[in-house]
Amino acid sequence: MQRYDLRHLHENFYDRMDELLDTGLQAGEVGIFLFEVGDYSSIQKSADLIKEKEGFELMNSIKFNEVDWTIVVKKAK
């Protein structure tokens, strides 16, 4: 399991998350991504990114606190 804190990127975290999905996770591994919510469109955009990528499953998407969101993604074996 890998944990990635992308909060410092604010609303510009998508490219980094996409890169980490491809290079940071091994087959069968789970990644936890923490990012700032902003206007809530980032939640849907991040879910869409996972859905569009072949070989990844969005396992969970939860509110972490008042400004942060966490998604849990698994890379297929």
C-alpha atoms as a PDB file:
ATOM      1  CA  MET A   1       0.000   0.000   0.000  1.00  0.00           C
ATOM      2  CA  GLN A   2       1.237   3.449  -0.939  1.00  0.00           C
ATOM      3  CA  ARG A   3       0.006   6.775   0.407  1.00  0.00           C
ATOM      4  CA  TYR A   4       0.361   9.937  -1.655  1.00  0.00           C
ATOM      5  CA  ASP A   5      -0.270  13.389  -0.212  1.00  0.00           C
ATOM      6  CA  LEU A   6      -1.129  15.705  -3.104  1.00  0.00           C
ATOM      7  CA  ARG A   7      -2.619  18.512  -1.009  1.00  0.00           C
ATOM      8  CA  HIS A   8       0.346  20.807  -1.681  1.00  0.00           C
ATOM      9  CA  LEU A   9      -0.619  20.813  -5.386  1.00  0.00           C
ATOM     10  CA  HIS A  10      -4.082  22.241  -4.592  1.00  0.00           C
ATOM     11  CA  GLU A  11      -6.343  21.865  -7.673  1.00  0.00           C
ATOM     12  CA  ASN A  12      -3.381  20.965  -9.949  1.00  0.00           C
ATOM     13  CA  PHE A  13      -2.937  17.397  -8.711  1.00  0.00           C
ATOM     14  CA  TYR A  14      -4.412  15.421 -11.647  1.00  0.00           C
ATOM     15  CA  ASP A  15      -1.238  15.076 -13.720  1.00  0.00           C
ATOM     16  CA  ARG A  16       0.759  13.957 -10.676  1.00  0.00           C
ATOM     17  CA  MET A  17      -1.937  11.477  -9.654  1.00  0.00           C
ATOM     18  CA  ASP A  18      -2.018  10.068 -13.188  1.00  0.00           C
ATOM     19  CA  GLU A  19       1.775   9.701 -13.154  1.00  0.00           C
ATOM     20  CA  LEU A  20       1.734   7.969  -9.760  1.00  0.00           C
ATOM     21  CA  LEU A  21      -0.954   5.561 -10.914  1.00  0.00           C
ATOM     22  CA  ASP A  22       1.277   4.473 -13.788  1.00  0.00           C
ATOM     23  CA  THR A  23       4.644   4.427 -12.043  1.00  0.00           C
ATOM     24  CA  GLY A  24       4.051   4.358  -8.290  1.00  0.00           C
ATOM     25  CA  LEU A  25       1.818   1.327  -7.884  1.00  0.00           C
ATOM     26  CA  GLN A  26       2.745  -2.276  -8.500  1.00  0.00           C
ATOM     27  CA  ALA A  27       0.234  -4.824  -9.837  1.00  0.00           C
ATOM     28  CA  GLY A  28      -2.264  -5.708  -7.121  1.00  0.00           C
ATOM     29  CA  GLU A  29      -1.190  -2.785  -4.921  1.00  0.00           C
ATOM     30  CA  VAL A  30      -3.502  -0.215  -3.340  1.00  0.00           C
ATOM     31  CA  GLY A  31      -2.807   3.516  -3.446  1.00  0.00           C
ATOM     32  CA  ILE A  32      -4.316   6.138  -1.177  1.00  0.00           C
ATOM     33  CA  PHE A  33      -4.427   9.645  -2.631  1.00  0.00           C
ATOM     34  CA  LEU A  34      -5.095  12.673  -0.441  1.00  0.00           C
ATOM     35  CA  PHE A  35      -5.989  15.975  -2.130  1.00  0.00           C
ATOM     36  CA  GLU A  36      -7.755  19.287  -1.480  1.00  0.00           C
ATOM     37  CA  VAL A  37     -11.415  19.400  -2.418  1.00  0.00           C
ATOM     38  CA  GLY A  38     -11.769  22.999  -3.578  1.00  0.00           C
ATOM     39  CA  ASP A  39     -15.119  23.328  -5.383  1.00  0.00           C
ATOM     40  CA  TYR A  40     -15.930  19.577  -5.335  1.00  0.00           C
ATOM     41  CA  SER A  41     -15.464  19.214  -9.100  1.00  0.00           C
ATOM     42  CA  SER A  42     -12.063  17.691  -8.301  1.00  0.00           C
ATOM     43  CA  ILE A  43     -13.801  14.698  -6.716  1.00  0.00           C
ATOM     44  CA  GLN A  44     -15.685  13.817  -9.887  1.00  0.00           C
ATOM     45  CA  LYS A  45     -12.691  14.620 -12.080  1.00  0.00           C
ATOM     46  CA  SER A  46     -10.434  12.305 -10.063  1.00  0.00           C
ATOM     47  CA  ALA A  47     -13.061   9.522 -10.170  1.00  0.00           C
ATOM     48  CA  ASP A  48     -13.355   9.979 -13.943  1.00  0.00           C
ATOM     49  CA  LEU A  49      -9.568   9.759 -14.283  1.00  0.00           C
ATOM     50  CA  ILE A  50      -9.556   6.389 -12.497  1.00  0.00           C
ATOM     51  CA  LYS A  51     -12.535   5.125 -14.516  1.00  0.00           C
ATOM     52  CA  GLU A  52     -10.865   6.029 -17.826  1.00  0.00           C
ATOM     53  CA  LYS A  53      -7.598   4.279 -16.952  1.00  0.00           C
ATOM     54  CA  GLU A  54      -7.579   0.604 -17.810  1.00  0.00           C
ATOM     55  CA  GLY A  55      -6.498  -1.731 -15.039  1.00  0.00           C
ATOM     56  CA  PHE A  56      -7.475   0.425 -12.050  1.00  0.00           C
ATOM     57  CA  GLU A  57     -10.392   0.154  -9.641  1.00  0.00           C
ATOM     58  CA  LEU A  58     -11.705   3.006  -7.495  1.00  0.00           C
ATOM     59  CA  MET A  59     -12.316   1.270  -4.183  1.00  0.00           C
ATOM     60  CA  ASN A  60     -13.358   4.204  -2.004  1.00  0.00           C
ATOM     61  CA  SER A  61     -13.825   7.956  -2.046  1.00  0.00           C
ATOM     62  CA  ILE A  62     -14.315   9.687   1.291  1.00  0.00           C
ATOM     63  CA  LYS A  63     -14.162  13.087   2.906  1.00  0.00           C
ATOM     64  CA  PHE A  64     -11.067  13.255   5.110  1.00  0.00           C
ATOM     65  CA  ASN A  65     -11.846  16.549   6.866  1.00  0.00           C
ATOM     66  CA  GLU A  66     -13.368  19.921   5.949  1.00  0.00           C
ATOM     67  CA  VAL A  67     -11.005  20.624   3.022  1.00  0.00           C
ATOM     68  CA  ASP A  68      -9.373  17.300   2.094  1.00  0.00           C
ATOM     69  CA  TRP A  69     -10.579  14.212   0.250  1.00  0.00           C
ATOM     70  CA  THR A  70      -9.167  10.695   0.065  1.00  0.00           C
ATOM     71  CA  ILE A  71      -9.565   8.172  -2.733  1.00  0.00           C
ATOM     72  CA  VAL A  72      -8.406   4.571  -2.592  1.00  0.00           C
ATOM     73  CA  VAL A  73      -7.380   2.919  -5.865  1.00  0.00           C
ATOM     74  CA  LYS A  74      -6.254  -0.623  -6.632  1.00  0.00           C
ATOM     75  CA  LYS A  75      -4.074  -1.539  -9.592  1.00  0.00           C
ATOM     76  CA  ALA A  76      -5.090  -4.806 -11.255  1.00  0.00           C
ATOM     77  CA  LYS A  77      -2.772  -7.797 -11.103  1.00  0.00           C
END
